[in-house]
């Protein structure tokens, strides 16, 4: 590990931790203001600084990924190990949620995402890379891979949002004090959740379509379980969104459908990569 990579590792962890602390402080301040007699929540710059810190941490993580996963000689290749893909997914998540936090109430979602991103950086630093073949950056597979990573990031963001919706639903039934008391309105949370689901399903659809077109081994014996589980996940996502559109499914129903679909997706991709890279 060279000095630049070591500095990037440290910077990513430091700024992710700083962003988490700033967000926690921001939310705690908002909670105290909400309990004041006026009930007004004054604007705060802390959340802005937290988003900036998250972007700096994201930039450092991208340097880590570039120095760790991209090989320049003799040809430019990308090593898409399980740890590498996990870092790319969390990078997309941090970027999307941090950008969203500039315009909508996504502080709580970023608060959940930052520890996951930091954990993926630590895993890349301390755990051995699995056995996998580097892929040339000019390969036709790259488009399929980028679509897949974007789909996983969007759907993982939706999964985190669904957890917050579940917490909010429970809080509304039995109100309690604490940071849960300043979650955004349920309707706003569900709107963001549905938006992320549509985005994730669209990207997953394109990922499956490009896989069928460009990958010759999609139905190979070693990958057939990945193909089947991903297809099942797509069907569950599509089934819920159809039910949401036609019958107004939402709330706890959406949480259950979404978590079931994401579990299939997680098992189909990350589970299969773990088996192929570390066990076989």
C-alpha atoms as a PDB file:
ATOM      1  CA  UNK A   1       0.000   0.000   0.000  1.00  0.00           C
ATOM      2  CA  UNK A   2       1.568   3.306  -1.077  1.00  0.00           C
ATOM      3  CA  UNK A   3       1.501   6.545   0.916  1.00  0.00           C
ATOM      4  CA  UNK A   4      -1.266   8.141  -1.193  1.00  0.00           C
ATOM      5  CA  UNK A   5      -3.540   5.147  -0.677  1.00  0.00           C
ATOM      6  CA  UNK A   6      -2.835   5.098   3.078  1.00  0.00           C
ATOM      7  CA  UNK A   7      -3.647   8.816   3.347  1.00  0.00           C
ATOM      8  CA  UNK A   8      -6.833   8.296   1.306  1.00  0.00           C
ATOM      9  CA  UNK A   9      -7.931   5.451   3.613  1.00  0.00           C
ATOM     10  CA  UNK A  10      -7.405   7.658   6.683  1.00  0.00           C
ATOM     11  CA  UNK A  11      -9.097  10.664   5.068  1.00  0.00           C
ATOM     12  CA  UNK A  12     -12.153   8.655   4.021  1.00  0.00           C
ATOM     13  CA  UNK A  13     -12.649   7.302   7.546  1.00  0.00           C
ATOM     14  CA  UNK A  14     -11.969  10.676   9.201  1.00  0.00           C
ATOM     15  CA  UNK A  15     -14.384  12.652   7.037  1.00  0.00           C
ATOM     16  CA  UNK A  16     -17.100   9.984   7.153  1.00  0.00           C
ATOM     17  CA  UNK A  17     -16.802  10.000  10.960  1.00  0.00           C
ATOM     18  CA  UNK A  18     -16.876  13.820  10.977  1.00  0.00           C
ATOM     19  CA  UNK A  19     -19.967  13.859   8.746  1.00  0.00           C
ATOM     20  CA  UNK A  20     -21.689  11.339  11.024  1.00  0.00           C
ATOM     21  CA  UNK A  21     -20.883  13.377  14.150  1.00  0.00           C
ATOM     22  CA  UNK A  22     -22.052  16.623  12.535  1.00  0.00           C
ATOM     23  CA  UNK A  23     -25.304  15.016  11.391  1.00  0.00           C
ATOM     24  CA  UNK A  24     -25.917  13.557  14.835  1.00  0.00           C
ATOM     25  CA  UNK A  25     -25.265  16.955  16.408  1.00  0.00           C
ATOM     26  CA  UNK A  26     -27.543  18.626  13.853  1.00  0.00           C
ATOM     27  CA  UNK A  27     -30.399  16.228  14.510  1.00  0.00           C
ATOM     28  CA  UNK A  28     -29.976  16.514  18.275  1.00  0.00           C
ATOM     29  CA  UNK A  29     -30.073  20.333  18.011  1.00  0.00           C
ATOM     30  CA  UNK A  30     -33.226  20.158  15.912  1.00  0.00           C
ATOM     31  CA  UNK A  31     -34.832  17.893  18.496  1.00  0.00           C
ATOM     32  CA  UNK A  32     -34.057  20.339  21.318  1.00  0.00           C
ATOM     33  CA  UNK A  33     -35.446  23.246  19.285  1.00  0.00           C
ATOM     34  CA  UNK A  34     -38.578  21.277  18.467  1.00  0.00           C
ATOM     35  CA  UNK A  35     -39.203  20.842  22.213  1.00  0.00           C
ATOM     36  CA  UNK A  36     -38.985  24.574  22.857  1.00  0.00           C
ATOM     37  CA  UNK A  37     -42.302  26.428  23.492  1.00  0.00           C
ATOM     38  CA  UNK A  38     -42.363  27.915  20.003  1.00  0.00           C
ATOM     39  CA  UNK A  39     -41.694  24.516  18.429  1.00  0.00           C
ATOM     40  CA  UNK A  40     -39.736  26.242  15.668  1.00  0.00           C
ATOM     41  CA  UNK A  41     -36.623  24.660  14.257  1.00  0.00           C
ATOM     42  CA  UNK A  42     -34.078  27.300  13.275  1.00  0.00           C
ATOM     43  CA  UNK A  43     -31.949  26.759  10.176  1.00  0.00           C
ATOM     44  CA  UNK A  44     -28.519  25.284  10.888  1.00  0.00           C
ATOM     45  CA  UNK A  45     -25.296  25.219   8.890  1.00  0.00           C
ATOM     46  CA  UNK A  46     -24.193  21.997  10.589  1.00  0.00           C
ATOM     47  CA  UNK A  47     -26.102  19.837   8.128  1.00  0.00           C
ATOM     48  CA  UNK A  48     -24.407  21.640   5.217  1.00  0.00           C
ATOM     49  CA  UNK A  49     -20.979  21.024   6.741  1.00  0.00           C
ATOM     50  CA  UNK A  50     -21.906  17.370   7.226  1.00  0.00           C
ATOM     51  CA  UNK A  51     -22.784  17.019   3.544  1.00  0.00           C
ATOM     52  CA  UNK A  52     -19.475  18.688   2.585  1.00  0.00           C
ATOM     53  CA  UNK A  53     -17.580  16.313   4.883  1.00  0.00           C
ATOM     54  CA  UNK A  54     -19.432  13.364   3.330  1.00  0.00           C
ATOM     55  CA  UNK A  55     -18.392  14.494  -0.164  1.00  0.00           C
ATOM     56  CA  UNK A  56     -14.752  14.857   0.940  1.00  0.00           C
ATOM     57  CA  UNK A  57     -14.893  11.343   2.435  1.00  0.00           C
ATOM     58  CA  UNK A  58     -16.446  10.095  -0.809  1.00  0.00           C
ATOM     59  CA  UNK A  59     -13.628  11.674  -2.842  1.00  0.00           C
ATOM     60  CA  UNK A  60     -11.038   9.967  -0.623  1.00  0.00           C
ATOM     61  CA  UNK A  61     -12.847   6.624  -0.994  1.00  0.00           C
ATOM     62  CA  UNK A  62     -12.777   7.019  -4.784  1.00  0.00           C
ATOM     63  CA  UNK A  63      -9.004   7.533  -4.600  1.00  0.00           C
ATOM     64  CA  UNK A  64      -8.755   4.316  -2.569  1.00  0.00           C
ATOM     65  CA  UNK A  65     -10.826   2.456  -5.159  1.00  0.00           C
ATOM     66  CA  UNK A  66      -8.779   3.822  -8.053  1.00  0.00           C
ATOM     67  CA  UNK A  67      -5.451   2.923  -6.414  1.00  0.00           C
ATOM     68  CA  UNK A  68      -6.635  -0.488  -5.200  1.00  0.00           C
ATOM     69  CA  UNK A  69      -8.910  -1.853  -7.913  1.00  0.00           C
ATOM     70  CA  UNK A  70      -7.678  -0.208 -11.126  1.00  0.00           C
ATOM     71  CA  UNK A  71      -4.492  -1.538 -12.714  1.00  0.00           C
ATOM     72  CA  UNK A  72      -2.855   0.578 -15.418  1.00  0.00           C
ATOM     73  CA  UNK A  73      -0.332  -1.863 -16.934  1.00  0.00           C
ATOM     74  CA  UNK A  74      -0.068  -3.532 -19.344  1.00  0.00           C
ATOM     75  CA  UNK A  75      -3.751  -2.659 -20.014  1.00  0.00           C
ATOM     76  CA  UNK A  76      -6.186  -0.701 -17.866  1.00  0.00           C
ATOM     77  CA  UNK A  77      -8.285  -3.234 -15.940  1.00  0.00           C
ATOM     78  CA  UNK A  78     -10.755  -3.142 -13.062  1.00  0.00           C
ATOM     79  CA  UNK A  79     -10.766  -5.783 -10.319  1.00  0.00           C
ATOM     80  CA  UNK A  80     -14.388  -6.287  -9.310  1.00  0.00           C
ATOM     81  CA  UNK A  81     -14.013  -8.390  -6.206  1.00  0.00           C
ATOM     82  CA  UNK A  82     -16.729  -8.597  -3.570  1.00  0.00           C
ATOM     83  CA  UNK A  83     -14.969  -5.914  -1.522  1.00  0.00           C
ATOM     84  CA  UNK A  84     -14.449  -3.758  -4.592  1.00  0.00           C
ATOM     85  CA  UNK A  85     -18.096  -3.914  -5.644  1.00  0.00           C
ATOM     86  CA  UNK A  86     -19.200  -3.170  -2.065  1.00  0.00           C
ATOM     87  CA  UNK A  87     -17.075  -0.007  -2.069  1.00  0.00           C
ATOM     88  CA  UNK A  88     -18.396   1.116  -5.454  1.00  0.00           C
ATOM     89  CA  UNK A  89     -22.001   0.581  -4.315  1.00  0.00           C
ATOM     90  CA  UNK A  90     -21.478   2.555  -1.104  1.00  0.00           C
ATOM     91  CA  UNK A  91     -19.783   5.358  -3.083  1.00  0.00           C
ATOM     92  CA  UNK A  92     -22.845   5.707  -5.297  1.00  0.00           C
ATOM     93  CA  UNK A  93     -25.107   5.606  -2.236  1.00  0.00           C
ATOM     94  CA  UNK A  94     -23.195   8.324  -0.382  1.00  0.00           C
ATOM     95  CA  UNK A  95     -23.118  10.525  -3.482  1.00  0.00           C
ATOM     96  CA  UNK A  96     -26.830  10.160  -4.249  1.00  0.00           C
ATOM     97  CA  UNK A  97     -28.013  10.608  -0.654  1.00  0.00           C
ATOM     98  CA  UNK A  98     -25.677  13.550   0.015  1.00  0.00           C
ATOM     99  CA  UNK A  99     -26.931  15.275  -3.138  1.00  0.00           C
ATOM    100  CA  UNK A 100     -30.520  14.550  -2.101  1.00  0.00           C
ATOM    101  CA  UNK A 101     -29.840  15.985   1.370  1.00  0.00           C
ATOM    102  CA  UNK A 102     -29.132  19.370  -0.221  1.00  0.00           C
ATOM    103  CA  UNK A 103     -32.768  19.637  -1.366  1.00  0.00           C
ATOM    104  CA  UNK A 104     -34.843  17.212   0.752  1.00  0.00           C
ATOM    105  CA  UNK A 105     -34.833  15.847   4.287  1.00  0.00           C
ATOM    106  CA  UNK A 106     -32.371  12.977   3.835  1.00  0.00           C
ATOM    107  CA  UNK A 107     -30.233  13.556   6.966  1.00  0.00           C
ATOM    108  CA  UNK A 108     -31.488  10.415   8.681  1.00  0.00           C
ATOM    109  CA  UNK A 109     -30.820   8.333   5.571  1.00  0.00           C
ATOM    110  CA  UNK A 110     -27.268   9.697   5.288  1.00  0.00           C
ATOM    111  CA  UNK A 111     -26.781   8.930   8.975  1.00  0.00           C
ATOM    112  CA  UNK A 112     -27.513   5.252   8.217  1.00  0.00           C
ATOM    113  CA  UNK A 113     -25.416   5.189   5.058  1.00  0.00           C
ATOM    114  CA  UNK A 114     -22.163   6.660   6.422  1.00  0.00           C
ATOM    115  CA  UNK A 115     -21.282   3.761   8.793  1.00  0.00           C
ATOM    116  CA  UNK A 116     -21.880   1.292   5.940  1.00  0.00           C
ATOM    117  CA  UNK A 117     -19.538   3.264   3.673  1.00  0.00           C
ATOM    118  CA  UNK A 118     -16.888   3.486   6.406  1.00  0.00           C
ATOM    119  CA  UNK A 119     -17.183  -0.256   7.089  1.00  0.00           C
ATOM    120  CA  UNK A 120     -16.652  -1.027   3.386  1.00  0.00           C
ATOM    121  CA  UNK A 121     -13.484   1.094   3.388  1.00  0.00           C
ATOM    122  CA  UNK A 122     -12.156  -0.719   6.467  1.00  0.00           C
ATOM    123  CA  UNK A 123     -12.980  -4.104   4.909  1.00  0.00           C
ATOM    124  CA  UNK A 124     -11.085  -3.193   1.735  1.00  0.00           C
ATOM    125  CA  UNK A 125      -8.078  -2.192   3.852  1.00  0.00           C
ATOM    126  CA  UNK A 126      -7.865  -5.194   6.179  1.00  0.00           C
ATOM    127  CA  UNK A 127      -9.500  -8.168   4.434  1.00  0.00           C
ATOM    128  CA  UNK A 128      -7.897 -10.175   1.620  1.00  0.00           C
ATOM    129  CA  UNK A 129      -9.254  -9.709  -1.891  1.00  0.00           C
ATOM    130  CA  UNK A 130     -11.193 -12.674  -3.256  1.00  0.00           C
ATOM    131  CA  UNK A 131     -10.136 -14.601  -6.352  1.00  0.00           C
ATOM    132  CA  UNK A 132     -11.519 -12.811  -9.381  1.00  0.00           C
ATOM    133  CA  UNK A 133     -10.479 -11.973 -12.930  1.00  0.00           C
ATOM    134  CA  UNK A 134      -9.738  -8.303 -13.753  1.00  0.00           C
ATOM    135  CA  UNK A 135     -11.967  -6.847 -16.485  1.00  0.00           C
ATOM    136  CA  UNK A 136     -10.646  -4.549 -19.220  1.00  0.00           C
ATOM    137  CA  UNK A 137     -12.240  -1.108 -19.061  1.00  0.00           C
ATOM    138  CA  UNK A 138     -13.010  -1.279 -22.794  1.00  0.00           C
ATOM    139  CA  UNK A 139     -14.907  -4.555 -22.358  1.00  0.00           C
ATOM    140  CA  UNK A 140     -18.608  -4.683 -23.290  1.00  0.00           C
ATOM    141  CA  UNK A 141     -19.209  -6.013 -19.764  1.00  0.00           C
ATOM    142  CA  UNK A 142     -18.370  -2.636 -18.191  1.00  0.00           C
ATOM    143  CA  UNK A 143     -21.723  -1.096 -19.169  1.00  0.00           C
ATOM    144  CA  UNK A 144     -23.577  -4.051 -17.652  1.00  0.00           C
ATOM    145  CA  UNK A 145     -21.441  -3.840 -14.492  1.00  0.00           C
ATOM    146  CA  UNK A 146     -21.986  -0.105 -14.028  1.00  0.00           C
ATOM    147  CA  UNK A 147     -25.745  -0.532 -14.456  1.00  0.00           C
ATOM    148  CA  UNK A 148     -25.728  -3.363 -11.908  1.00  0.00           C
ATOM    149  CA  UNK A 149     -23.758  -1.337  -9.361  1.00  0.00           C
ATOM    150  CA  UNK A 150     -26.071   1.664  -9.806  1.00  0.00           C
ATOM    151  CA  UNK A 151     -29.136  -0.585  -9.424  1.00  0.00           C
ATOM    152  CA  UNK A 152     -27.790  -2.148  -6.218  1.00  0.00           C
ATOM    153  CA  UNK A 153     -26.973   1.307  -4.823  1.00  0.00           C
ATOM    154  CA  UNK A 154     -30.463   2.671  -5.577  1.00  0.00           C
ATOM    155  CA  UNK A 155     -32.201  -0.415  -4.182  1.00  0.00           C
ATOM    156  CA  UNK A 156     -30.004  -0.501  -1.079  1.00  0.00           C
ATOM    157  CA  UNK A 157     -30.882   3.157  -0.493  1.00  0.00           C
ATOM    158  CA  UNK A 158     -34.551   2.189  -0.842  1.00  0.00           C
ATOM    159  CA  UNK A 159     -34.002  -0.625   1.659  1.00  0.00           C
ATOM    160  CA  UNK A 160     -32.506   1.790   4.216  1.00  0.00           C
ATOM    161  CA  UNK A 161     -35.366   4.208   3.596  1.00  0.00           C
ATOM    162  CA  UNK A 162     -37.875   1.400   4.115  1.00  0.00           C
ATOM    163  CA  UNK A 163     -36.311   0.697   7.521  1.00  0.00           C
ATOM    164  CA  UNK A 164     -36.841   4.344   8.470  1.00  0.00           C
ATOM    165  CA  UNK A 165     -40.440   4.126   7.254  1.00  0.00           C
ATOM    166  CA  UNK A 166     -40.968   1.071   9.435  1.00  0.00           C
ATOM    167  CA  UNK A 167     -39.557   2.963  12.430  1.00  0.00           C
ATOM    168  CA  UNK A 168     -41.734   5.979  11.651  1.00  0.00           C
ATOM    169  CA  UNK A 169     -44.857   3.805  11.365  1.00  0.00           C
ATOM    170  CA  UNK A 170     -44.104   2.260  14.745  1.00  0.00           C
ATOM    171  CA  UNK A 171     -43.402   5.675  16.302  1.00  0.00           C
ATOM    172  CA  UNK A 172     -46.737   7.036  15.088  1.00  0.00           C
ATOM    173  CA  UNK A 173     -48.505   4.148  16.819  1.00  0.00           C
ATOM    174  CA  UNK A 174     -46.627   4.683  20.117  1.00  0.00           C
ATOM    175  CA  UNK A 175     -44.988   8.143  20.136  1.00  0.00           C
ATOM    176  CA  UNK A 176     -41.671   8.346  21.953  1.00  0.00           C
ATOM    177  CA  UNK A 177     -39.085  11.021  22.512  1.00  0.00           C
ATOM    178  CA  UNK A 178     -35.553  10.948  21.131  1.00  0.00           C
ATOM    179  CA  UNK A 179     -34.054  11.439  17.691  1.00  0.00           C
ATOM    180  CA  UNK A 180     -36.814   9.344  16.142  1.00  0.00           C
ATOM    181  CA  UNK A 181     -39.146  12.226  16.924  1.00  0.00           C
ATOM    182  CA  UNK A 182     -37.653  14.372  14.148  1.00  0.00           C
ATOM    183  CA  UNK A 183     -37.975  11.935  11.286  1.00  0.00           C
ATOM    184  CA  UNK A 184     -39.439  13.606   8.186  1.00  0.00           C
ATOM    185  CA  UNK A 185     -43.204  13.320   7.574  1.00  0.00           C
ATOM    186  CA  UNK A 186     -44.214   9.800   6.578  1.00  0.00           C
ATOM    187  CA  UNK A 187     -45.617  10.952   3.248  1.00  0.00           C
ATOM    188  CA  UNK A 188     -42.309  12.604   2.286  1.00  0.00           C
ATOM    189  CA  UNK A 189     -40.372   9.491   3.287  1.00  0.00           C
ATOM    190  CA  UNK A 190     -42.634   7.266   1.210  1.00  0.00           C
ATOM    191  CA  UNK A 191     -42.348   9.563  -1.819  1.00  0.00           C
ATOM    192  CA  UNK A 192     -38.544   9.293  -1.714  1.00  0.00           C
ATOM    193  CA  UNK A 193     -38.825   5.539  -1.138  1.00  0.00           C
ATOM    194  CA  UNK A 194     -41.039   5.010  -4.198  1.00  0.00           C
ATOM    195  CA  UNK A 195     -38.792   7.238  -6.320  1.00  0.00           C
ATOM    196  CA  UNK A 196     -35.709   5.195  -5.363  1.00  0.00           C
ATOM    197  CA  UNK A 197     -37.602   1.960  -6.085  1.00  0.00           C
ATOM    198  CA  UNK A 198     -38.605   3.087  -9.580  1.00  0.00           C
ATOM    199  CA  UNK A 199     -35.051   4.238 -10.278  1.00  0.00           C
ATOM    200  CA  UNK A 200     -33.570   0.991  -8.931  1.00  0.00           C
ATOM    201  CA  UNK A 201     -36.028  -1.201 -10.827  1.00  0.00           C
ATOM    202  CA  UNK A 202     -35.323   0.652 -14.076  1.00  0.00           C
ATOM    203  CA  UNK A 203     -31.571   0.231 -13.620  1.00  0.00           C
ATOM    204  CA  UNK A 204     -31.998  -3.425 -12.624  1.00  0.00           C
ATOM    205  CA  UNK A 205     -34.107  -4.014 -15.747  1.00  0.00           C
ATOM    206  CA  UNK A 206     -31.370  -2.525 -17.932  1.00  0.00           C
ATOM    207  CA  UNK A 207     -28.754  -4.557 -16.069  1.00  0.00           C
ATOM    208  CA  UNK A 208     -30.602  -7.822 -16.714  1.00  0.00           C
ATOM    209  CA  UNK A 209     -31.212  -6.888 -20.353  1.00  0.00           C
ATOM    210  CA  UNK A 210     -27.550  -6.044 -20.998  1.00  0.00           C
ATOM    211  CA  UNK A 211     -26.517  -9.231 -19.209  1.00  0.00           C
ATOM    212  CA  UNK A 212     -28.660 -11.298 -21.576  1.00  0.00           C
ATOM    213  CA  UNK A 213     -27.241  -9.441 -24.585  1.00  0.00           C
ATOM    214  CA  UNK A 214     -23.546  -9.289 -23.720  1.00  0.00           C
ATOM    215  CA  UNK A 215     -22.754 -12.032 -21.215  1.00  0.00           C
ATOM    216  CA  UNK A 216     -22.260 -15.510 -22.584  1.00  0.00           C
ATOM    217  CA  UNK A 217     -22.188 -17.293 -19.220  1.00  0.00           C
ATOM    218  CA  UNK A 218     -25.305 -15.897 -17.514  1.00  0.00           C
ATOM    219  CA  UNK A 219     -26.852 -19.358 -17.381  1.00  0.00           C
ATOM    220  CA  UNK A 220     -23.593 -21.152 -16.591  1.00  0.00           C
ATOM    221  CA  UNK A 221     -23.935 -23.633 -13.738  1.00  0.00           C
ATOM    222  CA  UNK A 222     -21.827 -21.438 -11.433  1.00  0.00           C
ATOM    223  CA  UNK A 223     -23.958 -18.338 -12.127  1.00  0.00           C
ATOM    224  CA  UNK A 224     -27.446 -19.743 -12.658  1.00  0.00           C
ATOM    225  CA  UNK A 225     -28.407 -19.180  -9.001  1.00  0.00           C
ATOM    226  CA  UNK A 226     -27.391 -15.526  -9.358  1.00  0.00           C
ATOM    227  CA  UNK A 227     -29.555 -15.168 -12.462  1.00  0.00           C
ATOM    228  CA  UNK A 228     -32.546 -16.897 -10.852  1.00  0.00           C
ATOM    229  CA  UNK A 229     -32.384 -14.914  -7.576  1.00  0.00           C
ATOM    230  CA  UNK A 230     -31.936 -11.602  -9.408  1.00  0.00           C
ATOM    231  CA  UNK A 231     -34.956 -12.396 -11.604  1.00  0.00           C
ATOM    232  CA  UNK A 232     -37.035 -13.300  -8.550  1.00  0.00           C
ATOM    233  CA  UNK A 233     -35.984 -10.041  -6.901  1.00  0.00           C
ATOM    234  CA  UNK A 234     -37.048  -8.114 -10.014  1.00  0.00           C
ATOM    235  CA  UNK A 235     -40.452  -9.826  -9.918  1.00  0.00           C
ATOM    236  CA  UNK A 236     -40.977  -8.911  -6.248  1.00  0.00           C
ATOM    237  CA  UNK A 237     -40.029  -5.265  -6.852  1.00  0.00           C
ATOM    238  CA  UNK A 238     -42.276  -5.096  -9.922  1.00  0.00           C
ATOM    239  CA  UNK A 239     -45.100  -6.800  -8.012  1.00  0.00           C
ATOM    240  CA  UNK A 240     -44.988  -4.268  -5.190  1.00  0.00           C
ATOM    241  CA  UNK A 241     -44.818  -1.242  -7.513  1.00  0.00           C
ATOM    242  CA  UNK A 242     -47.767  -2.633  -9.469  1.00  0.00           C
ATOM    243  CA  UNK A 243     -49.699  -3.080  -6.214  1.00  0.00           C
ATOM    244  CA  UNK A 244     -48.708   0.416  -5.101  1.00  0.00           C
ATOM    245  CA  UNK A 245     -49.986   1.897  -8.352  1.00  0.00           C
ATOM    246  CA  UNK A 246     -53.209  -0.117  -8.562  1.00  0.00           C
ATOM    247  CA  UNK A 247     -54.156  -0.715  -4.938  1.00  0.00           C
ATOM    248  CA  UNK A 248     -52.244   1.964  -3.034  1.00  0.00           C
ATOM    249  CA  UNK A 249     -49.942  -0.428  -1.154  1.00  0.00           C
ATOM    250  CA  UNK A 250     -47.626   1.509   1.164  1.00  0.00           C
ATOM    251  CA  UNK A 251     -46.359   1.626   4.732  1.00  0.00           C
ATOM    252  CA  UNK A 252     -45.540  -1.689   6.382  1.00  0.00           C
ATOM    253  CA  UNK A 253     -46.627  -3.581   3.244  1.00  0.00           C
ATOM    254  CA  UNK A 254     -44.008  -1.696   1.223  1.00  0.00           C
ATOM    255  CA  UNK A 255     -41.347  -2.314   3.849  1.00  0.00           C
ATOM    256  CA  UNK A 256     -41.943  -6.081   3.787  1.00  0.00           C
ATOM    257  CA  UNK A 257     -42.011  -6.390   0.002  1.00  0.00           C
ATOM    258  CA  UNK A 258     -38.929  -4.226  -0.396  1.00  0.00           C
ATOM    259  CA  UNK A 259     -36.842  -6.016   2.228  1.00  0.00           C
ATOM    260  CA  UNK A 260     -37.797  -9.403   0.776  1.00  0.00           C
ATOM    261  CA  UNK A 261     -36.788  -8.276  -2.728  1.00  0.00           C
ATOM    262  CA  UNK A 262     -33.523  -6.759  -1.509  1.00  0.00           C
ATOM    263  CA  UNK A 263     -32.669  -9.911   0.464  1.00  0.00           C
ATOM    264  CA  UNK A 264     -33.021 -11.936  -2.765  1.00  0.00           C
ATOM    265  CA  UNK A 265     -30.854  -9.428  -4.627  1.00  0.00           C
ATOM    266  CA  UNK A 266     -28.222  -9.422  -1.894  1.00  0.00           C
ATOM    267  CA  UNK A 267     -28.151 -13.204  -1.748  1.00  0.00           C
ATOM    268  CA  UNK A 268     -28.063 -13.524  -5.528  1.00  0.00           C
ATOM    269  CA  UNK A 269     -25.133 -11.190  -6.128  1.00  0.00           C
ATOM    270  CA  UNK A 270     -23.046 -10.682  -3.004  1.00  0.00           C
ATOM    271  CA  UNK A 271     -23.774 -14.186  -1.746  1.00  0.00           C
ATOM    272  CA  UNK A 272     -22.767 -15.803  -5.021  1.00  0.00           C
ATOM    273  CA  UNK A 273     -19.610 -13.626  -5.273  1.00  0.00           C
ATOM    274  CA  UNK A 274     -18.597 -14.635  -1.747  1.00  0.00           C
ATOM    275  CA  UNK A 275     -18.976 -18.328  -2.587  1.00  0.00           C
ATOM    276  CA  UNK A 276     -17.079 -18.018  -5.900  1.00  0.00           C
ATOM    277  CA  UNK A 277     -14.256 -15.852  -4.531  1.00  0.00           C
ATOM    278  CA  UNK A 278     -13.653 -17.331  -1.075  1.00  0.00           C
ATOM    279  CA  UNK A 279     -15.110 -20.839  -0.938  1.00  0.00           C
ATOM    280  CA  UNK A 280     -14.660 -22.401  -4.401  1.00  0.00           C
END
